[in-house]
């Protein structure tokens, strides 16, 4: 049975501008961001639905597709910018480049 892959929610696209590979760990991306109430709610719902499944997102520096596991977000307290309601650490592990769909289908059909 193929694994379900969850696409990163559109409402949280701006968060991806902050995400970067962790120092010394190319397979781990991390960001600390201020979130609005709506974004925090969306993140919590998405994390619950994507638990133990791959998440797809675009690398903000290269625009290449990535697959990863989303870790449970960590609350860091009050937002720093005064506009959000919370500061949150978002991290992905086992990050790897997505293969193009044609390469995946060719591999499975024996081409």
N, C-alpha and C. Protein backbone atom coordinates (compact mmCIF):
# COMPACT_ATOMS: atom_id res chain seq x y z
N UNK A 1 0.85 -1.18 0.00
CA UNK A 1 0.00 0.00 0.00
C UNK A 1 0.90 1.24 0.00
N UNK A 2 0.66 2.16 -0.93
CA UNK A 2 1.49 3.37 -0.98
C UNK A 2 1.27 4.25 0.25
N UNK A 3 2.34 4.91 0.63
CA UNK A 3 2.27 5.81 1.78
C UNK A 3 1.59 7.11 1.37
N UNK A 4 0.78 7.63 2.25
CA UNK A 4 0.13 8.91 2.04
C UNK A 4 1.13 10.03 2.31
N UNK A 5 1.19 11.00 1.41
CA UNK A 5 2.07 12.16 1.58
C UNK A 5 1.18 13.39 1.72
N UNK A 6 1.40 14.14 2.77
CA UNK A 6 0.63 15.35 3.04
C UNK A 6 1.36 16.57 2.49
N UNK A 7 0.66 17.40 1.73
CA UNK A 7 1.24 18.65 1.24
C UNK A 7 1.18 19.69 2.34
N UNK A 8 2.26 20.46 2.46
CA UNK A 8 2.33 21.54 3.44
C UNK A 8 1.17 22.50 3.17
N UNK A 9 0.43 22.91 4.20
CA UNK A 9 -0.75 23.76 4.00
C UNK A 9 -0.42 25.13 3.42
N UNK A 10 -1.28 25.57 2.51
CA UNK A 10 -1.10 26.88 1.88
C UNK A 10 -1.05 28.01 2.92
N UNK A 11 -1.88 27.92 3.94
CA UNK A 11 -1.94 28.97 4.96
C UNK A 11 -0.61 29.13 5.69
N UNK A 12 0.24 28.11 5.64
CA UNK A 12 1.53 28.15 6.34
C UNK A 12 2.72 28.31 5.39
N UNK A 13 2.48 28.69 4.15
CA UNK A 13 3.56 28.83 3.18
C UNK A 13 4.61 29.84 3.64
N UNK A 14 4.20 30.93 4.26
CA UNK A 14 5.17 31.96 4.67
C UNK A 14 6.16 31.40 5.71
N UNK A 15 5.74 30.41 6.47
CA UNK A 15 6.62 29.79 7.47
C UNK A 15 7.83 29.14 6.79
N UNK A 16 7.61 28.60 5.60
CA UNK A 16 8.70 27.93 4.89
C UNK A 16 9.83 28.88 4.51
N UNK A 17 9.55 30.17 4.42
CA UNK A 17 10.62 31.14 4.11
C UNK A 17 11.68 31.15 5.21
N UNK A 18 11.31 30.72 6.41
CA UNK A 18 12.22 30.74 7.55
C UNK A 18 12.94 29.41 7.78
N UNK A 19 12.48 28.35 7.17
CA UNK A 19 13.01 27.02 7.45
C UNK A 19 14.37 26.83 6.75
N UNK A 20 15.33 26.28 7.47
CA UNK A 20 16.68 26.06 6.95
C UNK A 20 17.23 24.73 7.50
N UNK A 21 18.19 24.16 6.77
CA UNK A 21 18.84 22.97 7.33
C UNK A 21 19.48 23.30 8.68
N UNK A 22 19.35 22.39 9.62
CA UNK A 22 19.95 22.58 10.94
C UNK A 22 21.47 22.47 10.81
N UNK A 23 22.19 23.22 11.64
CA UNK A 23 23.66 23.18 11.62
C UNK A 23 24.15 21.75 11.80
N UNK A 24 24.94 21.29 10.84
CA UNK A 24 25.54 19.97 10.94
C UNK A 24 24.61 18.82 10.62
N UNK A 25 23.37 19.09 10.20
CA UNK A 25 22.42 18.01 9.90
C UNK A 25 21.63 18.34 8.66
N UNK A 26 22.09 17.89 7.52
CA UNK A 26 21.42 18.17 6.25
C UNK A 26 20.04 17.52 6.17
N UNK A 27 19.79 16.50 6.99
CA UNK A 27 18.49 15.81 6.94
C UNK A 27 17.50 16.37 7.96
N UNK A 28 17.80 17.51 8.53
CA UNK A 28 16.91 18.13 9.52
C UNK A 28 16.78 19.62 9.20
N UNK A 29 15.55 20.09 9.04
CA UNK A 29 15.27 21.50 8.78
C UNK A 29 14.55 22.06 10.00
N UNK A 30 14.82 23.33 10.33
CA UNK A 30 14.23 23.92 11.52
C UNK A 30 13.97 25.41 11.31
N UNK A 31 12.96 25.93 12.01
CA UNK A 31 12.67 27.37 12.02
C UNK A 31 11.97 27.71 13.32
N UNK A 32 12.20 28.92 13.78
CA UNK A 32 11.45 29.47 14.91
C UNK A 32 10.69 30.66 14.36
N UNK A 33 9.37 30.60 14.44
CA UNK A 33 8.52 31.61 13.80
C UNK A 33 7.41 32.06 14.73
N UNK A 34 6.96 33.30 14.51
CA UNK A 34 5.78 33.82 15.19
C UNK A 34 4.57 33.47 14.35
N UNK A 35 3.52 32.97 15.01
CA UNK A 35 2.31 32.55 14.31
C UNK A 35 1.10 33.32 14.81
N UNK A 36 0.17 33.57 13.89
CA UNK A 36 -1.12 34.14 14.26
C UNK A 36 -1.98 33.02 14.86
N UNK A 37 -3.09 33.39 15.42
CA UNK A 37 -3.99 32.38 15.98
C UNK A 37 -4.45 31.41 14.90
N UNK A 38 -4.78 31.92 13.73
CA UNK A 38 -5.23 31.08 12.62
C UNK A 38 -4.12 30.13 12.15
N UNK A 39 -2.90 30.63 12.06
CA UNK A 39 -1.77 29.80 11.64
C UNK A 39 -1.45 28.73 12.68
N UNK A 40 -1.52 29.09 13.95
CA UNK A 40 -1.26 28.12 15.02
C UNK A 40 -2.29 27.00 14.99
N UNK A 41 -3.53 27.36 14.79
CA UNK A 41 -4.60 26.35 14.70
C UNK A 41 -4.35 25.45 13.50
N UNK A 42 -4.02 26.03 12.36
CA UNK A 42 -3.76 25.25 11.15
C UNK A 42 -2.57 24.31 11.34
N UNK A 43 -1.51 24.80 11.97
CA UNK A 43 -0.33 23.97 12.22
C UNK A 43 -0.68 22.79 13.12
N UNK A 44 -1.41 23.04 14.18
CA UNK A 44 -1.79 21.95 15.09
C UNK A 44 -2.66 20.91 14.40
N UNK A 45 -3.62 21.35 13.60
CA UNK A 45 -4.47 20.40 12.87
C UNK A 45 -3.67 19.62 11.83
N UNK A 46 -2.77 20.31 11.14
CA UNK A 46 -1.96 19.63 10.14
C UNK A 46 -1.02 18.62 10.79
N UNK A 47 -0.39 19.00 11.87
CA UNK A 47 0.53 18.08 12.55
C UNK A 47 -0.21 16.83 13.01
N UNK A 48 -1.41 16.99 13.53
CA UNK A 48 -2.18 15.83 13.98
C UNK A 48 -2.55 14.92 12.81
N UNK A 49 -2.88 15.50 11.67
CA UNK A 49 -3.28 14.68 10.51
C UNK A 49 -2.08 14.06 9.80
N UNK A 50 -0.92 14.67 9.92
CA UNK A 50 0.27 14.20 9.21
C UNK A 50 1.19 13.34 10.07
N UNK A 51 0.81 13.08 11.29
CA UNK A 51 1.66 12.31 12.19
C UNK A 51 2.00 10.95 11.57
N UNK A 52 3.28 10.62 11.57
CA UNK A 52 3.82 9.35 11.06
C UNK A 52 3.67 9.21 9.54
N UNK A 53 3.45 10.30 8.83
CA UNK A 53 3.37 10.27 7.38
C UNK A 53 4.34 11.31 6.82
N UNK A 54 4.74 11.13 5.59
CA UNK A 54 5.62 12.11 4.96
C UNK A 54 4.86 13.39 4.65
N UNK A 55 5.59 14.49 4.72
CA UNK A 55 5.09 15.81 4.39
C UNK A 55 5.92 16.31 3.21
N UNK A 56 5.26 16.91 2.24
CA UNK A 56 6.00 17.49 1.12
C UNK A 56 5.99 19.01 1.23
N UNK A 57 7.12 19.61 0.88
CA UNK A 57 7.24 21.07 0.88
C UNK A 57 8.36 21.46 -0.06
N UNK A 58 8.40 22.74 -0.42
CA UNK A 58 9.46 23.25 -1.30
C UNK A 58 10.56 23.88 -0.45
N UNK A 59 11.80 23.51 -0.73
CA UNK A 59 12.95 24.12 -0.06
C UNK A 59 12.96 25.60 -0.41
N UNK A 60 13.00 26.49 0.58
CA UNK A 60 12.91 27.93 0.29
C UNK A 60 14.12 28.48 -0.46
N UNK A 61 15.26 27.83 -0.38
CA UNK A 61 16.45 28.34 -1.06
C UNK A 61 16.58 27.82 -2.49
N UNK A 62 16.13 26.59 -2.73
CA UNK A 62 16.32 25.98 -4.05
C UNK A 62 15.01 25.76 -4.81
N UNK A 63 13.87 25.85 -4.12
CA UNK A 63 12.54 25.58 -4.67
C UNK A 63 12.36 24.11 -5.06
N UNK A 64 13.30 23.25 -4.70
CA UNK A 64 13.16 21.83 -4.98
C UNK A 64 12.19 21.20 -3.98
N UNK A 65 11.46 20.20 -4.45
CA UNK A 65 10.54 19.49 -3.58
C UNK A 65 11.29 18.64 -2.56
N UNK A 66 10.77 18.61 -1.35
CA UNK A 66 11.35 17.82 -0.26
C UNK A 66 10.26 16.94 0.36
N UNK A 67 10.68 15.80 0.85
CA UNK A 67 9.84 14.93 1.67
C UNK A 67 10.49 14.83 3.04
N UNK A 68 9.68 14.81 4.07
CA UNK A 68 10.22 14.74 5.43
C UNK A 68 9.11 14.33 6.39
N UNK A 69 9.51 14.10 7.63
CA UNK A 69 8.55 13.91 8.71
C UNK A 69 8.51 15.20 9.52
N UNK A 70 7.31 15.66 9.84
CA UNK A 70 7.12 16.85 10.66
C UNK A 70 7.17 16.43 12.12
N UNK A 71 8.07 17.04 12.87
CA UNK A 71 8.12 16.80 14.32
C UNK A 71 7.00 17.57 15.00
N UNK A 72 6.67 17.17 16.20
CA UNK A 72 5.68 17.91 16.97
C UNK A 72 6.21 19.32 17.21
N UNK A 73 5.43 20.35 16.83
CA UNK A 73 5.87 21.73 17.06
C UNK A 73 6.08 21.99 18.55
N UNK A 74 7.05 22.86 18.85
CA UNK A 74 7.38 23.19 20.23
C UNK A 74 7.05 24.66 20.46
N UNK A 75 6.22 24.93 21.45
CA UNK A 75 5.90 26.30 21.80
C UNK A 75 7.06 26.95 22.53
N UNK A 76 7.42 28.16 22.11
CA UNK A 76 8.55 28.86 22.71
C UNK A 76 8.12 30.10 23.49
N UNK A 77 6.82 30.30 23.60
CA UNK A 77 6.32 31.45 24.35
C UNK A 77 5.66 32.48 23.48
N UNK A 78 5.68 33.68 23.98
CA UNK A 78 5.01 34.81 23.34
C UNK A 78 5.70 35.20 22.03
N UNK A 79 4.91 35.64 21.05
CA UNK A 79 5.46 36.09 19.77
C UNK A 79 6.35 37.30 19.99
N UNK A 80 7.41 37.40 19.22
CA UNK A 80 8.35 38.51 19.34
C UNK A 80 7.91 39.75 18.56
N UNK A 81 7.13 39.53 17.49
CA UNK A 81 6.81 40.65 16.62
C UNK A 81 5.58 41.45 17.05
N UNK A 82 4.87 41.00 18.06
CA UNK A 82 3.70 41.72 18.53
C UNK A 82 2.45 41.48 17.72
N UNK A 83 2.59 40.87 16.54
CA UNK A 83 1.43 40.60 15.69
C UNK A 83 0.89 39.18 15.88
N UNK A 84 1.75 38.24 16.21
CA UNK A 84 1.34 36.87 16.40
C UNK A 84 0.94 36.62 17.85
N UNK A 85 0.50 35.39 18.10
CA UNK A 85 0.13 35.04 19.47
C UNK A 85 1.13 34.09 20.12
N UNK A 86 2.00 33.46 19.29
CA UNK A 86 2.95 32.50 19.85
C UNK A 86 4.18 32.37 18.96
N UNK A 87 5.30 32.04 19.58
CA UNK A 87 6.52 31.71 18.85
C UNK A 87 6.66 30.19 18.93
N UNK A 88 6.91 29.57 17.77
CA UNK A 88 6.91 28.12 17.68
C UNK A 88 8.13 27.65 16.92
N UNK A 89 8.72 26.54 17.39
CA UNK A 89 9.80 25.88 16.64
C UNK A 89 9.15 24.78 15.80
N UNK A 90 9.39 24.86 14.51
CA UNK A 90 8.89 23.85 13.58
C UNK A 90 10.12 23.13 13.03
N UNK A 91 10.07 21.81 13.03
CA UNK A 91 11.22 21.07 12.50
C UNK A 91 10.76 19.84 11.73
N UNK A 92 11.57 19.51 10.74
CA UNK A 92 11.37 18.33 9.91
C UNK A 92 12.60 17.44 10.05
N UNK A 93 12.39 16.13 10.08
CA UNK A 93 13.50 15.18 10.10
C UNK A 93 13.40 14.24 8.92
N UNK A 94 14.49 13.55 8.65
CA UNK A 94 14.59 12.63 7.52
C UNK A 94 14.22 13.35 6.22
N UNK A 95 14.74 14.56 6.07
CA UNK A 95 14.47 15.37 4.89
C UNK A 95 15.27 14.84 3.71
N UNK A 96 14.60 14.62 2.60
CA UNK A 96 15.29 14.23 1.38
C UNK A 96 14.58 14.80 0.17
N UNK A 97 15.32 14.89 -0.92
CA UNK A 97 14.80 15.47 -2.15
C UNK A 97 13.75 14.54 -2.75
N UNK A 98 12.66 15.12 -3.23
CA UNK A 98 11.63 14.35 -3.90
C UNK A 98 12.13 13.94 -5.28
N UNK A 99 11.82 12.73 -5.65
CA UNK A 99 12.13 12.28 -7.00
C UNK A 99 11.01 12.74 -7.92
N UNK A 100 11.32 13.06 -9.15
CA UNK A 100 10.26 13.43 -10.10
C UNK A 100 9.28 12.28 -10.28
N UNK A 101 8.03 12.61 -10.52
CA UNK A 101 7.00 11.58 -10.66
C UNK A 101 7.32 10.60 -11.79
N UNK A 102 7.88 11.08 -12.91
CA UNK A 102 8.17 10.17 -14.01
C UNK A 102 9.25 9.16 -13.63
N UNK A 103 10.21 9.54 -12.79
CA UNK A 103 11.25 8.61 -12.33
C UNK A 103 10.64 7.57 -11.42
N UNK A 104 9.71 7.97 -10.57
CA UNK A 104 9.07 7.02 -9.67
C UNK A 104 8.23 6.02 -10.46
N UNK A 105 7.43 6.49 -11.43
CA UNK A 105 6.57 5.59 -12.17
C UNK A 105 7.40 4.68 -13.07
N UNK A 106 8.51 5.19 -13.62
CA UNK A 106 9.38 4.36 -14.45
C UNK A 106 10.03 3.26 -13.65
N UNK A 107 10.41 3.55 -12.42
CA UNK A 107 11.04 2.54 -11.57
C UNK A 107 10.06 1.44 -11.22
N UNK A 108 8.81 1.81 -10.97
CA UNK A 108 7.83 0.80 -10.54
C UNK A 108 7.33 -0.04 -11.72
N UNK A 109 7.44 0.49 -12.95
CA UNK A 109 6.95 -0.27 -14.10
C UNK A 109 8.06 -1.10 -14.73
N UNK A 110 9.29 -0.99 -14.20
CA UNK A 110 10.38 -1.79 -14.70
C UNK A 110 11.10 -1.21 -15.89
N UNK A 111 10.82 0.06 -16.21
CA UNK A 111 11.51 0.70 -17.34
C UNK A 111 12.91 1.08 -16.96
